[in-house]
C-alpha atoms as a PDB file:
ATOM      1  CA  UNK A   1      90.086 -21.931  30.520  1.00  0.00           C
ATOM      2  CA  UNK A   2      88.962 -23.053  27.055  1.00  0.00           C
ATOM      3  CA  UNK A   3      92.390 -22.524  25.494  1.00  0.00           C
ATOM      4  CA  UNK A   4      94.069 -24.912  27.938  1.00  0.00           C
ATOM      5  CA  UNK A   5      91.791 -27.708  26.725  1.00  0.00           C
ATOM      6  CA  UNK A   6      93.143 -27.517  23.173  1.00  0.00           C
ATOM      7  CA  UNK A   7      95.693 -30.281  22.715  1.00  0.00           C
ATOM      8  CA  UNK A   8      98.841 -28.633  21.395  1.00  0.00           C
ATOM      9  CA  UNK A   9     101.978 -30.306  20.121  1.00  0.00           C
ATOM     10  CA  UNK A  10     105.078 -30.153  22.303  1.00  0.00           C
ATOM     11  CA  UNK A  11     106.734 -27.214  20.523  1.00  0.00           C
ATOM     12  CA  UNK A  12     103.583 -25.522  19.202  1.00  0.00           C
ATOM     13  CA  UNK A  13     103.128 -21.897  20.286  1.00  0.00           C
ATOM     14  CA  UNK A  14      99.887 -19.990  20.682  1.00  0.00           C
ATOM     15  CA  UNK A  15     100.149 -16.790  18.640  1.00  0.00           C
ATOM     16  CA  UNK A  16      96.743 -15.174  19.050  1.00  0.00           C
ATOM     17  CA  UNK A  17      93.260 -15.818  20.421  1.00  0.00           C
ATOM     18  CA  UNK A  18      90.473 -13.900  18.692  1.00  0.00           C
ATOM     19  CA  UNK A  19      86.858 -13.488  19.778  1.00  0.00           C
ATOM     20  CA  UNK A  20      84.050 -11.514  18.177  1.00  0.00           C
ATOM     21  CA  UNK A  21      84.301  -7.719  18.302  1.00  0.00           C
ATOM     22  CA  UNK A  22      83.228  -6.138  21.604  1.00  0.00           C
ATOM     23  CA  UNK A  23      80.616  -4.017  19.812  1.00  0.00           C
ATOM     24  CA  UNK A  24      78.569  -7.129  18.996  1.00  0.00           C
ATOM     25  CA  UNK A  25      78.354  -7.987  22.700  1.00  0.00           C
ATOM     26  CA  UNK A  26      77.427  -4.361  23.468  1.00  0.00           C
ATOM     27  CA  UNK A  27      74.572  -4.522  20.952  1.00  0.00           C
ATOM     28  CA  UNK A  28      73.255  -7.697  22.597  1.00  0.00           C
ATOM     29  CA  UNK A  29      73.438  -6.097  26.055  1.00  0.00           C
ATOM     30  CA  UNK A  30      71.576  -2.967  24.932  1.00  0.00           C
ATOM     31  CA  UNK A  31      68.985  -5.130  23.183  1.00  0.00           C
ATOM     32  CA  UNK A  32      68.384  -7.188  26.329  1.00  0.00           C
ATOM     33  CA  UNK A  33      68.121  -4.092  28.531  1.00  0.00           C
ATOM     34  CA  UNK A  34      65.566  -2.618  26.122  1.00  0.00           C
ATOM     35  CA  UNK A  35      63.577  -5.870  26.099  1.00  0.00           C
ATOM     36  CA  UNK A  36      63.639  -5.986  29.913  1.00  0.00           C
ATOM     37  CA  UNK A  37      62.308  -2.427  30.164  1.00  0.00           C
ATOM     38  CA  UNK A  38      59.757  -2.740  27.352  1.00  0.00           C
ATOM     39  CA  UNK A  39      56.898  -4.141  29.515  1.00  0.00           C
ATOM     40  CA  UNK A  40      57.433  -1.377  32.089  1.00  0.00           C
ATOM     41  CA  UNK A  41      57.284   1.257  29.376  1.00  0.00           C
ATOM     42  CA  UNK A  42      54.151  -0.333  27.914  1.00  0.00           C
ATOM     43  CA  UNK A  43      52.544  -0.498  31.365  1.00  0.00           C
ATOM     44  CA  UNK A  44      53.355   3.160  31.990  1.00  0.00           C
ATOM     45  CA  UNK A  45      51.949   4.228  28.624  1.00  0.00           C
ATOM     46  CA  UNK A  46      48.849   2.086  29.121  1.00  0.00           C
ATOM     47  CA  UNK A  47      48.332   3.561  32.597  1.00  0.00           C
ATOM     48  CA  UNK A  48      48.480   7.099  31.224  1.00  0.00           C
ATOM     49  CA  UNK A  49      46.036   6.317  28.415  1.00  0.00           C
ATOM     50  CA  UNK A  50      43.596   4.498  30.710  1.00  0.00           C
ATOM     51  CA  UNK A  51      43.816   7.210  33.355  1.00  0.00           C
ATOM     52  CA  UNK A  52      42.654   9.755  30.814  1.00  0.00           C
ATOM     53  CA  UNK A  53      39.908   7.515  29.383  1.00  0.00           C
ATOM     54  CA  UNK A  54      38.702   5.277  32.175  1.00  0.00           C
ATOM     55  CA  UNK A  55      40.417   3.011  34.735  1.00  0.00           C
ATOM     56  CA  UNK A  56      38.705  -0.167  33.577  1.00  0.00           C
ATOM     57  CA  UNK A  57      39.978  -2.570  30.969  1.00  0.00           C
ATOM     58  CA  UNK A  58      37.937  -4.955  28.854  1.00  0.00           C
ATOM     59  CA  UNK A  59      35.617  -7.074  30.957  1.00  0.00           C
ATOM     60  CA  UNK A  60      35.599  -4.693  33.912  1.00  0.00           C
ATOM     61  CA  UNK A  61      39.082  -5.650  35.185  1.00  0.00           C
ATOM     62  CA  UNK A  62      40.858  -2.636  36.589  1.00  0.00           C
ATOM     63  CA  UNK A  63      44.536  -2.079  36.022  1.00  0.00           C
ATOM     64  CA  UNK A  64      45.124  -1.744  39.758  1.00  0.00           C
ATOM     65  CA  UNK A  65      43.386  -5.050  40.440  1.00  0.00           C
ATOM     66  CA  UNK A  66      45.775  -7.030  38.247  1.00  0.00           C
ATOM     67  CA  UNK A  67      49.136  -5.832  39.594  1.00  0.00           C
ATOM     68  CA  UNK A  68      49.987  -9.201  41.157  1.00  0.00           C
ATOM     69  CA  UNK A  69      49.344 -10.989  37.889  1.00  0.00           C
ATOM     70  CA  UNK A  70      51.207  -8.352  35.926  1.00  0.00           C
ATOM     71  CA  UNK A  71      54.231  -8.657  38.246  1.00  0.00           C
ATOM     72  CA  UNK A  72      54.202 -12.426  37.815  1.00  0.00           C
ATOM     73  CA  UNK A  73      54.249 -12.152  34.018  1.00  0.00           C
ATOM     74  CA  UNK A  74      56.877  -9.401  34.138  1.00  0.00           C
ATOM     75  CA  UNK A  75      59.170 -11.519  36.316  1.00  0.00           C
ATOM     76  CA  UNK A  76      58.662 -14.481  33.960  1.00  0.00           C
ATOM     77  CA  UNK A  77      59.575 -12.122  31.090  1.00  0.00           C
ATOM     78  CA  UNK A  78      62.717 -11.052  32.963  1.00  0.00           C
ATOM     79  CA  UNK A  79      63.661 -14.703  33.411  1.00  0.00           C
ATOM     80  CA  UNK A  80      63.402 -15.251  29.645  1.00  0.00           C
ATOM     81  CA  UNK A  81      65.446 -12.112  28.980  1.00  0.00           C
ATOM     82  CA  UNK A  82      68.074 -13.306  31.476  1.00  0.00           C
ATOM     83  CA  UNK A  83      68.333 -16.647  29.644  1.00  0.00           C
ATOM     84  CA  UNK A  84      68.669 -14.760  26.357  1.00  0.00           C
ATOM     85  CA  UNK A  85      71.402 -12.557  27.861  1.00  0.00           C
ATOM     86  CA  UNK A  86      73.390 -15.486  29.283  1.00  0.00           C
ATOM     87  CA  UNK A  87      73.155 -17.236  25.923  1.00  0.00           C
ATOM     88  CA  UNK A  88      74.759 -14.189  24.263  1.00  0.00           C
ATOM     89  CA  UNK A  89      77.508 -13.992  26.903  1.00  0.00           C
ATOM     90  CA  UNK A  90      78.229 -17.716  26.566  1.00  0.00           C
ATOM     91  CA  UNK A  91      78.312 -17.493  22.787  1.00  0.00           C
ATOM     92  CA  UNK A  92      80.619 -14.465  22.868  1.00  0.00           C
ATOM     93  CA  UNK A  93      83.048 -15.963  25.376  1.00  0.00           C
ATOM     94  CA  UNK A  94      83.238 -19.478  23.929  1.00  0.00           C
ATOM     95  CA  UNK A  95      83.292 -18.652  20.187  1.00  0.00           C
ATOM     96  CA  UNK A  96      86.907 -18.081  19.218  1.00  0.00           C
ATOM     97  CA  UNK A  97      89.723 -18.659  16.805  1.00  0.00           C
ATOM     98  CA  UNK A  98      93.024 -19.780  18.317  1.00  0.00           C
ATOM     99  CA  UNK A  99      95.949 -19.190  15.973  1.00  0.00           C
ATOM    100  CA  UNK A 100      99.126 -21.105  16.653  1.00  0.00           C
ATOM    101  CA  UNK A 101     102.346 -21.272  14.695  1.00  0.00           C
ATOM    102  CA  UNK A 102     101.091 -24.530  13.101  1.00  0.00           C
ATOM    103  CA  UNK A 103      97.317 -24.377  12.802  1.00  0.00           C
ATOM    104  CA  UNK A 104      94.059 -22.530  13.345  1.00  0.00           C
ATOM    105  CA  UNK A 105      91.568 -23.916  15.831  1.00  0.00           C
ATOM    106  CA  UNK A 106      88.003 -22.659  15.406  1.00  0.00           C
ATOM    107  CA  UNK A 107      85.586 -23.172  18.285  1.00  0.00           C
ATOM    108  CA  UNK A 108      81.923 -22.498  17.628  1.00  0.00           C
ATOM    109  CA  UNK A 109      79.543 -22.669  20.592  1.00  0.00           C
ATOM    110  CA  UNK A 110      76.108 -23.645  19.271  1.00  0.00           C
ATOM    111  CA  UNK A 111      74.001 -23.408  22.407  1.00  0.00           C
ATOM    112  CA  UNK A 112      74.705 -24.148  26.031  1.00  0.00           C
ATOM    113  CA  UNK A 113      75.639 -27.800  25.558  1.00  0.00           C
ATOM    114  CA  UNK A 114      76.794 -27.993  21.956  1.00  0.00           C
ATOM    115  CA  UNK A 115      80.242 -27.001  20.735  1.00  0.00           C
ATOM    116  CA  UNK A 116      81.826 -27.518  17.329  1.00  0.00           C
ATOM    117  CA  UNK A 117      85.620 -27.592  17.249  1.00  0.00           C
ATOM    118  CA  UNK A 118      87.569 -27.751  14.016  1.00  0.00           C
ATOM    119  CA  UNK A 119      91.157 -27.091  13.057  1.00  0.00           C
ATOM    120  CA  UNK A 120      93.395 -27.074  10.055  1.00  0.00           C
ATOM    121  CA  UNK A 121      97.114 -26.925   9.593  1.00  0.00           C
ATOM    122  CA  UNK A 122      98.508 -23.706   8.193  1.00  0.00           C
ATOM    123  CA  UNK A 123     100.361 -25.472   5.387  1.00  0.00           C
ATOM    124  CA  UNK A 124      96.910 -26.475   4.026  1.00  0.00           C
ATOM    125  CA  UNK A 125      95.743 -22.845   3.823  1.00  0.00           C
ATOM    126  CA  UNK A 126      94.691 -22.162   0.273  1.00  0.00           C
ATOM    127  CA  UNK A 127      92.816 -18.861   0.346  1.00  0.00           C
ATOM    128  CA  UNK A 128      91.619 -16.218   2.806  1.00  0.00           C
ATOM    129  CA  UNK A 129      88.843 -13.718   2.284  1.00  0.00           C
ATOM    130  CA  UNK A 130      87.656 -10.881   4.469  1.00  0.00           C
ATOM    131  CA  UNK A 131      84.424  -8.949   4.230  1.00  0.00           C
ATOM    132  CA  UNK A 132      83.700  -5.647   5.928  1.00  0.00           C
ATOM    133  CA  UNK A 133      80.223  -4.447   5.006  1.00  0.00           C
ATOM    134  CA  UNK A 134      78.472  -1.378   6.347  1.00  0.00           C
ATOM    135  CA  UNK A 135      79.261   1.893   8.075  1.00  0.00           C
ATOM    136  CA  UNK A 136      79.682   0.631  11.654  1.00  0.00           C
ATOM    137  CA  UNK A 137      81.852  -2.366  10.729  1.00  0.00           C
ATOM    138  CA  UNK A 138      84.040  -0.046   8.657  1.00  0.00           C
ATOM    139  CA  UNK A 139      84.351   2.558  11.424  1.00  0.00           C
ATOM    140  CA  UNK A 140      84.869   0.006  14.216  1.00  0.00           C
ATOM    141  CA  UNK A 141      87.032  -2.276  12.040  1.00  0.00           C
ATOM    142  CA  UNK A 142      85.278  -5.618  12.280  1.00  0.00           C
ATOM    143  CA  UNK A 143      84.011  -8.073   9.718  1.00  0.00           C
ATOM    144  CA  UNK A 144      83.915 -11.656   8.501  1.00  0.00           C
ATOM    145  CA  UNK A 145      86.949 -13.742   7.719  1.00  0.00           C
ATOM    146  CA  UNK A 146      86.938 -16.962   5.762  1.00  0.00           C
ATOM    147  CA  UNK A 147      89.799 -19.419   5.358  1.00  0.00           C
ATOM    148  CA  UNK A 148      89.699 -22.151   2.727  1.00  0.00           C
ATOM    149  CA  UNK A 149      91.885 -25.195   2.946  1.00  0.00           C
ATOM    150  CA  UNK A 150      93.414 -27.407   0.296  1.00  0.00           C
ATOM    151  CA  UNK A 151      92.596 -31.063   0.288  1.00  0.00           C
ATOM    152  CA  UNK A 152      89.815 -33.470  -0.476  1.00  0.00           C
ATOM    153  CA  UNK A 153      87.247 -31.983   1.870  1.00  0.00           C
ATOM    154  CA  UNK A 154      87.699 -28.382   0.669  1.00  0.00           C
ATOM    155  CA  UNK A 155      86.599 -27.130   4.079  1.00  0.00           C
ATOM    156  CA  UNK A 156      85.883 -23.505   4.820  1.00  0.00           C
ATOM    157  CA  UNK A 157      86.365 -21.844   8.177  1.00  0.00           C
ATOM    158  CA  UNK A 158      84.245 -18.741   8.533  1.00  0.00           C
ATOM    159  CA  UNK A 159      83.851 -16.417  11.488  1.00  0.00           C
ATOM    160  CA  UNK A 160      81.654 -13.339  11.611  1.00  0.00           C
ATOM    161  CA  UNK A 161      82.210 -10.081  13.498  1.00  0.00           C
ATOM    162  CA  UNK A 162      85.948 -10.583  14.017  1.00  0.00           C
ATOM    163  CA  UNK A 163      87.962  -7.539  15.115  1.00  0.00           C
ATOM    164  CA  UNK A 164      90.607  -6.164  12.737  1.00  0.00           C
ATOM    165  CA  UNK A 165      90.028  -8.693   9.948  1.00  0.00           C
ATOM    166  CA  UNK A 166      92.809  -7.247   7.773  1.00  0.00           C
ATOM    167  CA  UNK A 167      95.353  -7.549  10.583  1.00  0.00           C
ATOM    168  CA  UNK A 168      94.096 -11.026  11.430  1.00  0.00           C
ATOM    169  CA  UNK A 169      94.442 -12.098   7.803  1.00  0.00           C
ATOM    170  CA  UNK A 170      97.973 -10.669   7.678  1.00  0.00           C
ATOM    171  CA  UNK A 171      98.920 -12.565  10.852  1.00  0.00           C
ATOM    172  CA  UNK A 172      97.521 -15.838   9.534  1.00  0.00           C
ATOM    173  CA  UNK A 173      99.179 -15.421   6.128  1.00  0.00           C
ATOM    174  CA  UNK A 174     102.506 -14.601   7.811  1.00  0.00           C
ATOM    175  CA  UNK A 175     102.245 -17.679  10.049  1.00  0.00           C
ATOM    176  CA  UNK A 176     101.260 -19.851   7.047  1.00  0.00           C
ATOM    177  CA  UNK A 177     104.265 -18.569   5.066  1.00  0.00           C
ATOM    178  CA  UNK A 178     106.595 -19.310   7.983  1.00  0.00           C
ATOM    179  CA  UNK A 179     105.083 -22.761   8.366  1.00  0.00           C
ATOM    180  CA  UNK A 180     105.443 -23.412   4.644  1.00  0.00           C
ATOM    181  CA  UNK A 181     109.143 -22.464   4.823  1.00  0.00           C
ATOM    182  CA  UNK A 182     109.684 -24.874   7.738  1.00  0.00           C
ATOM    183  CA  UNK A 183     107.925 -27.767   6.013  1.00  0.00           C
ATOM    184  CA  UNK A 184     109.703 -27.106   2.699  1.00  0.00           C
ATOM    185  CA  UNK A 185     113.050 -26.995   4.533  1.00  0.00           C
ATOM    186  CA  UNK A 186     112.272 -30.304   6.238  1.00  0.00           C
ATOM    187  CA  UNK A 187     111.311 -31.885   2.911  1.00  0.00           C
ATOM    188  CA  UNK A 188     114.523 -30.585   1.325  1.00  0.00           C
ATOM    189  CA  UNK A 189     116.580 -31.989   4.207  1.00  0.00           C
ATOM    190  CA  UNK A 190     114.857 -35.362   3.917  1.00  0.00           C
ATOM    191  CA  UNK A 191     115.541 -35.453   0.176  1.00  0.00           C
ATOM    192  CA  UNK A 192     111.878 -35.408  -0.815  1.00  0.00           C
END
């Protein structure tokens, strides 16, 4: 759905669409499940401790007398966790790099209603760096990739947690080389 909204030239071809590595989304899901269960675990531990000591809390309020209030706060907590979870899903799905045979389009979702879209032509590619740091990124083959462009603005395009950064860099470099050959050929034909 998001890819169709990118305005492409008439003979431009989409080569690859890249999102963050699946493991990053899995970490967010496990984190949110843990946070959703945390109050239940705390309530269970508190119930066991109070059962052994005494059933009253501070001020004479019993733990059984506050179950309605506790359920209310737990459901409010679940609502916050749900919003946190949907934010992660939205960020994962809408953050991407679209690589065409002419340019790279980077889409960065910065909240529910804020999106930053930038692109650069492959013939302006000056340098590419990848960074894979840590045991899990090395084993699962994900990392950061940064593309620097030539020109007055000296822009940098950086994406974290991209799958197969070495392969992605090779694809982009190959497409940039092909694009450079086409533009050089056109300049030679035009006598420039």
